[in-house]
Amino acid sequence: MQPLTSLVSVQDIELMLRITLAFLLGGVIGYERERVQRPAGLRTHMLVATGSAAFTIASAYAFAGPSVMRDPTRIAAQIVTGVGFLGAGTIFRTPSTVRGLTTAASIWLVAAIGMLAGAGLYLLALFSTVLGFGVLYWLRPLRPREHIGEPSIVAEDDVLRSGEHERP
């Protein structure tokens, strides 16, 4: 049986630490979303950041070879596109409101944080996490919201169809 040190290189350990950092930093943003009971919370943000880091590492290291031409930015561009679709799933629109834009933006941010961590840009990943958490935690909407999750304006036709009110 081979010792563990011959199976795991120093580079492998560093890359695992990059993924772990992305996982933890995604959790910081996800914690805030979970705290305010948004549909995309802790687990979603952790998974997006971890996946982004893993894809970034794969694009930079997995396809290396003497005759292989590679462009790590191609996978990074696809991460941005794919996460955009994931974020779009958190946006809900009614005739009078749009909800979920901030959560969609936070998913997009944790993908970038994961990419930074995966690329080894630790300080930028940490800095982006602090800024993102600060925006989500301390900057609340300036205008008062009506009942959260309910439209603030009800179309007259909807009220009439429900039979609650009659025309004068």
C-alpha atoms as a PDB file:
ATOM      1  CA  MET A   1       0.000   0.000   0.000  1.00  0.00           C
ATOM      2  CA  GLN A   2       1.356   3.413  -0.991  1.00  0.00           C
ATOM      3  CA  PRO A   3       1.677   6.180   1.590  1.00  0.00           C
ATOM      4  CA  LEU A   4      -0.784   9.053   1.277  1.00  0.00           C
ATOM      5  CA  THR A   5       2.012  11.494   0.478  1.00  0.00           C
ATOM      6  CA  SER A   6       2.753   9.680  -2.777  1.00  0.00           C
ATOM      7  CA  LEU A   7      -0.903   9.840  -3.833  1.00  0.00           C
ATOM      8  CA  VAL A   8      -1.521  13.512  -3.017  1.00  0.00           C
ATOM      9  CA  SER A   9       0.843  16.197  -4.274  1.00  0.00           C
ATOM     10  CA  VAL A  10       1.449  19.609  -2.792  1.00  0.00           C
ATOM     11  CA  GLN A  11      -0.372  21.056  -5.797  1.00  0.00           C
ATOM     12  CA  ASP A  12      -3.389  18.829  -5.098  1.00  0.00           C
ATOM     13  CA  ILE A  13      -3.529  20.119  -1.523  1.00  0.00           C
ATOM     14  CA  GLU A  14      -3.334  23.727  -2.680  1.00  0.00           C
ATOM     15  CA  LEU A  15      -6.118  23.180  -5.216  1.00  0.00           C
ATOM     16  CA  MET A  16      -8.289  21.513  -2.551  1.00  0.00           C
ATOM     17  CA  LEU A  17      -7.677  24.517  -0.309  1.00  0.00           C
ATOM     18  CA  ARG A  18      -8.814  26.818  -3.124  1.00  0.00           C
ATOM     19  CA  ILE A  19     -12.047  24.875  -3.471  1.00  0.00           C
ATOM     20  CA  THR A  20     -12.513  24.864   0.313  1.00  0.00           C
ATOM     21  CA  LEU A  21     -12.016  28.635   0.432  1.00  0.00           C
ATOM     22  CA  ALA A  22     -14.628  29.108  -2.300  1.00  0.00           C
ATOM     23  CA  PHE A  23     -16.993  26.816  -0.365  1.00  0.00           C
ATOM     24  CA  LEU A  24     -16.565  28.850   2.845  1.00  0.00           C
ATOM     25  CA  LEU A  25     -16.786  32.271   1.200  1.00  0.00           C
ATOM     26  CA  GLY A  26     -19.894  31.221  -0.725  1.00  0.00           C
ATOM     27  CA  GLY A  27     -21.299  30.178   2.641  1.00  0.00           C
ATOM     28  CA  VAL A  28     -20.803  33.665   4.044  1.00  0.00           C
ATOM     29  CA  ILE A  29     -22.994  35.172   1.337  1.00  0.00           C
ATOM     30  CA  GLY A  30     -25.406  32.243   1.491  1.00  0.00           C
ATOM     31  CA  TYR A  31     -25.766  32.648   5.249  1.00  0.00           C
ATOM     32  CA  GLU A  32     -27.056  36.179   4.780  1.00  0.00           C
ATOM     33  CA  ARG A  33     -29.568  35.071   2.130  1.00  0.00           C
ATOM     34  CA  GLU A  34     -30.692  32.196   4.370  1.00  0.00           C
ATOM     35  CA  ARG A  35     -31.023  34.585   7.326  1.00  0.00           C
ATOM     36  CA  VAL A  36     -33.566  36.674   5.434  1.00  0.00           C
ATOM     37  CA  GLN A  37     -35.337  33.538   4.193  1.00  0.00           C
ATOM     38  CA  ARG A  38     -34.629  33.762   0.482  1.00  0.00           C
ATOM     39  CA  PRO A  39     -35.199  30.672  -1.671  1.00  0.00           C
ATOM     40  CA  ALA A  40     -31.533  30.494  -2.722  1.00  0.00           C
ATOM     41  CA  GLY A  41     -29.743  30.329   0.602  1.00  0.00           C
ATOM     42  CA  LEU A  42     -26.716  28.804   2.256  1.00  0.00           C
ATOM     43  CA  ARG A  43     -26.459  25.533   0.358  1.00  0.00           C
ATOM     44  CA  THR A  44     -27.106  27.057  -3.060  1.00  0.00           C
ATOM     45  CA  HIS A  45     -24.483  29.748  -2.615  1.00  0.00           C
ATOM     46  CA  MET A  46     -21.924  27.285  -1.270  1.00  0.00           C
ATOM     47  CA  LEU A  47     -22.488  24.939  -4.195  1.00  0.00           C
ATOM     48  CA  VAL A  48     -22.286  27.697  -6.808  1.00  0.00           C
ATOM     49  CA  ALA A  49     -19.021  29.029  -5.378  1.00  0.00           C
ATOM     50  CA  THR A  50     -17.551  25.531  -5.077  1.00  0.00           C
ATOM     51  CA  GLY A  51     -18.600  24.578  -8.591  1.00  0.00           C
ATOM     52  CA  SER A  52     -17.172  27.784 -10.019  1.00  0.00           C
ATOM     53  CA  ALA A  53     -13.858  27.149  -8.289  1.00  0.00           C
ATOM     54  CA  ALA A  54     -13.777  23.546  -9.518  1.00  0.00           C
ATOM     55  CA  PHE A  55     -14.518  24.578 -13.115  1.00  0.00           C
ATOM     56  CA  THR A  56     -11.869  27.302 -12.930  1.00  0.00           C
ATOM     57  CA  ILE A  57      -9.282  24.851 -11.643  1.00  0.00           C
ATOM     58  CA  ALA A  58     -10.263  22.283 -14.256  1.00  0.00           C
ATOM     59  CA  SER A  59      -9.901  24.825 -17.042  1.00  0.00           C
ATOM     60  CA  ALA A  60      -6.469  25.884 -15.810  1.00  0.00           C
ATOM     61  CA  TYR A  61      -4.952  22.519 -14.889  1.00  0.00           C
ATOM     62  CA  ALA A  62      -6.890  19.520 -16.197  1.00  0.00           C
ATOM     63  CA  PHE A  63      -6.246  19.760 -19.913  1.00  0.00           C
ATOM     64  CA  ALA A  64      -2.538  20.527 -19.875  1.00  0.00           C
ATOM     65  CA  GLY A  65      -0.275  18.682 -22.263  1.00  0.00           C
ATOM     66  CA  PRO A  66       2.486  19.321 -24.751  1.00  0.00           C
ATOM     67  CA  SER A  67       0.217  19.275 -27.798  1.00  0.00           C
ATOM     68  CA  VAL A  68      -2.893  20.746 -26.178  1.00  0.00           C
ATOM     69  CA  MET A  69      -3.797  24.343 -26.864  1.00  0.00           C
ATOM     70  CA  ARG A  70      -6.001  25.607 -24.078  1.00  0.00           C
ATOM     71  CA  ASP A  71      -7.749  28.811 -23.184  1.00  0.00           C
ATOM     72  CA  PRO A  72      -8.828  28.878 -19.524  1.00  0.00           C
ATOM     73  CA  THR A  73     -11.008  31.922 -20.176  1.00  0.00           C
ATOM     74  CA  ARG A  74     -13.425  29.857 -22.286  1.00  0.00           C
ATOM     75  CA  ILE A  75     -14.708  27.917 -19.292  1.00  0.00           C
ATOM     76  CA  ALA A  76     -14.823  31.100 -17.202  1.00  0.00           C
ATOM     77  CA  ALA A  77     -17.097  32.677 -19.798  1.00  0.00           C
ATOM     78  CA  GLN A  78     -19.374  29.645 -19.661  1.00  0.00           C
ATOM     79  CA  ILE A  79     -19.563  29.858 -15.857  1.00  0.00           C
ATOM     80  CA  VAL A  80     -20.865  33.416 -16.148  1.00  0.00           C
ATOM     81  CA  THR A  81     -23.490  32.363 -18.686  1.00  0.00           C
ATOM     82  CA  GLY A  82     -24.592  29.261 -16.790  1.00  0.00           C
ATOM     83  CA  VAL A  83     -24.882  31.053 -13.482  1.00  0.00           C
ATOM     84  CA  GLY A  84     -26.899  33.764 -15.201  1.00  0.00           C
ATOM     85  CA  PHE A  85     -29.534  31.161 -16.024  1.00  0.00           C
ATOM     86  CA  LEU A  86     -29.443  29.857 -12.454  1.00  0.00           C
ATOM     87  CA  GLY A  87     -29.919  33.385 -11.104  1.00  0.00           C
ATOM     88  CA  ALA A  88     -32.781  33.994 -13.511  1.00  0.00           C
ATOM     89  CA  GLY A  89     -34.624  31.155 -11.801  1.00  0.00           C
ATOM     90  CA  THR A  90     -34.702  33.160  -8.575  1.00  0.00           C
ATOM     91  CA  ILE A  91     -36.452  36.158 -10.141  1.00  0.00           C
ATOM     92  CA  PHE A  92     -40.226  36.294  -9.820  1.00  0.00           C
ATOM     93  CA  ARG A  93     -42.330  38.867 -11.628  1.00  0.00           C
ATOM     94  CA  THR A  94     -45.920  39.782 -11.009  1.00  0.00           C
ATOM     95  CA  PRO A  95     -47.809  42.572 -12.748  1.00  0.00           C
ATOM     96  CA  SER A  96     -46.853  44.948  -9.944  1.00  0.00           C
ATOM     97  CA  THR A  97     -43.525  43.719  -8.511  1.00  0.00           C
ATOM     98  CA  VAL A  98     -40.244  42.078  -9.325  1.00  0.00           C
ATOM     99  CA  ARG A  99     -38.616  39.979  -6.603  1.00  0.00           C
ATOM    100  CA  GLY A 100     -35.398  38.047  -6.377  1.00  0.00           C
ATOM    101  CA  LEU A 101     -33.053  40.383  -8.217  1.00  0.00           C
ATOM    102  CA  THR A 102     -30.747  40.751  -5.218  1.00  0.00           C
ATOM    103  CA  THR A 103     -30.596  36.995  -4.701  1.00  0.00           C
ATOM    104  CA  ALA A 104     -29.828  36.522  -8.406  1.00  0.00           C
ATOM    105  CA  ALA A 105     -27.037  39.075  -8.107  1.00  0.00           C
ATOM    106  CA  SER A 106     -25.678  37.329  -5.010  1.00  0.00           C
ATOM    107  CA  ILE A 107     -25.543  34.017  -6.912  1.00  0.00           C
ATOM    108  CA  TRP A 108     -23.660  35.755  -9.698  1.00  0.00           C
ATOM    109  CA  LEU A 109     -21.277  37.254  -7.125  1.00  0.00           C
ATOM    110  CA  VAL A 110     -20.511  33.913  -5.441  1.00  0.00           C
ATOM    111  CA  ALA A 111     -19.720  32.441  -8.865  1.00  0.00           C
ATOM    112  CA  ALA A 112     -17.133  35.198  -9.293  1.00  0.00           C
ATOM    113  CA  ILE A 113     -15.838  34.594  -5.761  1.00  0.00           C
ATOM    114  CA  GLY A 114     -15.486  30.898  -6.582  1.00  0.00           C
ATOM    115  CA  MET A 115     -13.624  31.739  -9.773  1.00  0.00           C
ATOM    116  CA  LEU A 116     -11.268  34.063  -7.878  1.00  0.00           C
ATOM    117  CA  ALA A 117     -10.564  31.426  -5.235  1.00  0.00           C
ATOM    118  CA  GLY A 118     -10.114  28.755  -7.909  1.00  0.00           C
ATOM    119  CA  ALA A 119      -7.621  30.964  -9.730  1.00  0.00           C
ATOM    120  CA  GLY A 120      -5.642  31.464  -6.510  1.00  0.00           C
ATOM    121  CA  LEU A 121      -6.622  35.119  -6.082  1.00  0.00           C
ATOM    122  CA  TYR A 122      -7.390  34.667  -2.387  1.00  0.00           C
ATOM    123  CA  LEU A 123      -7.289  38.298  -1.288  1.00  0.00           C
ATOM    124  CA  LEU A 124      -9.629  39.389  -4.082  1.00  0.00           C
ATOM    125  CA  ALA A 125     -12.005  36.533  -3.241  1.00  0.00           C
ATOM    126  CA  LEU A 126     -12.055  37.567   0.417  1.00  0.00           C
ATOM    127  CA  PHE A 127     -12.440  41.254  -0.449  1.00  0.00           C
ATOM    128  CA  SER A 128     -15.353  40.527  -2.799  1.00  0.00           C
ATOM    129  CA  THR A 129     -17.023  38.433  -0.089  1.00  0.00           C
ATOM    130  CA  VAL A 130     -16.712  41.220   2.478  1.00  0.00           C
ATOM    131  CA  LEU A 131     -18.149  43.771   0.054  1.00  0.00           C
ATOM    132  CA  GLY A 132     -20.999  41.473  -0.980  1.00  0.00           C
ATOM    133  CA  PHE A 133     -21.902  40.565   2.576  1.00  0.00           C
ATOM    134  CA  GLY A 134     -21.769  44.228   3.573  1.00  0.00           C
ATOM    135  CA  VAL A 135     -24.163  45.233   0.809  1.00  0.00           C
ATOM    136  CA  LEU A 136     -26.601  42.445   1.670  1.00  0.00           C
ATOM    137  CA  TYR A 137     -26.421  42.857   5.435  1.00  0.00           C
ATOM    138  CA  TRP A 138     -26.197  46.599   5.972  1.00  0.00           C
ATOM    139  CA  LEU A 139     -27.774  48.176   2.920  1.00  0.00           C
ATOM    140  CA  ARG A 140     -31.485  47.561   3.058  1.00  0.00           C
ATOM    141  CA  PRO A 141     -34.036  48.998   0.627  1.00  0.00           C
ATOM    142  CA  LEU A 142     -34.619  52.697   1.206  1.00  0.00           C
ATOM    143  CA  ARG A 143     -38.301  52.537   0.352  1.00  0.00           C
ATOM    144  CA  PRO A 144     -40.694  50.693   2.640  1.00  0.00           C
ATOM    145  CA  ARG A 145     -42.052  47.488   1.216  1.00  0.00           C
ATOM    146  CA  GLU A 146     -45.658  46.463   1.395  1.00  0.00           C
ATOM    147  CA  HIS A 147     -46.312  42.941   2.536  1.00  0.00           C
ATOM    148  CA  ILE A 148     -43.262  41.026   1.382  1.00  0.00           C
ATOM    149  CA  GLY A 149     -44.137  38.448  -1.224  1.00  0.00           C
ATOM    150  CA  GLU A 150     -47.485  40.017  -2.042  1.00  0.00           C
ATOM    151  CA  PRO A 151     -48.103  42.449  -4.878  1.00  0.00           C
ATOM    152  CA  SER A 152     -48.516  46.034  -3.740  1.00  0.00           C
ATOM    153  CA  ILE A 153     -51.021  46.810  -6.505  1.00  0.00           C
ATOM    154  CA  VAL A 154     -53.935  44.576  -7.429  1.00  0.00           C
ATOM    155  CA  ALA A 155     -55.425  44.930 -10.878  1.00  0.00           C
ATOM    156  CA  GLU A 156     -59.044  46.053 -10.796  1.00  0.00           C
ATOM    157  CA  ASP A 157     -60.140  43.131 -12.997  1.00  0.00           C
ATOM    158  CA  ASP A 158     -58.659  40.637 -10.506  1.00  0.00           C
ATOM    159  CA  VAL A 159     -60.594  42.196  -7.636  1.00  0.00           C
ATOM    160  CA  LEU A 160     -63.824  42.200  -9.632  1.00  0.00           C
ATOM    161  CA  ARG A 161     -63.385  38.554 -10.659  1.00  0.00           C
ATOM    162  CA  SER A 162     -62.896  37.515  -7.051  1.00  0.00           C
ATOM    163  CA  GLY A 163     -66.309  38.986  -6.168  1.00  0.00           C
ATOM    164  CA  GLU A 164     -64.922  40.934  -3.222  1.00  0.00           C
ATOM    165  CA  HIS A 165     -65.881  44.343  -4.552  1.00  0.00           C
ATOM    166  CA  GLU A 166     -68.605  45.611  -6.835  1.00  0.00           C
ATOM    167  CA  ARG A 167     -68.392  48.601  -9.119  1.00  0.00           C
ATOM    168  CA  PRO A 168     -70.116  51.676  -7.655  1.00  0.00           C
END
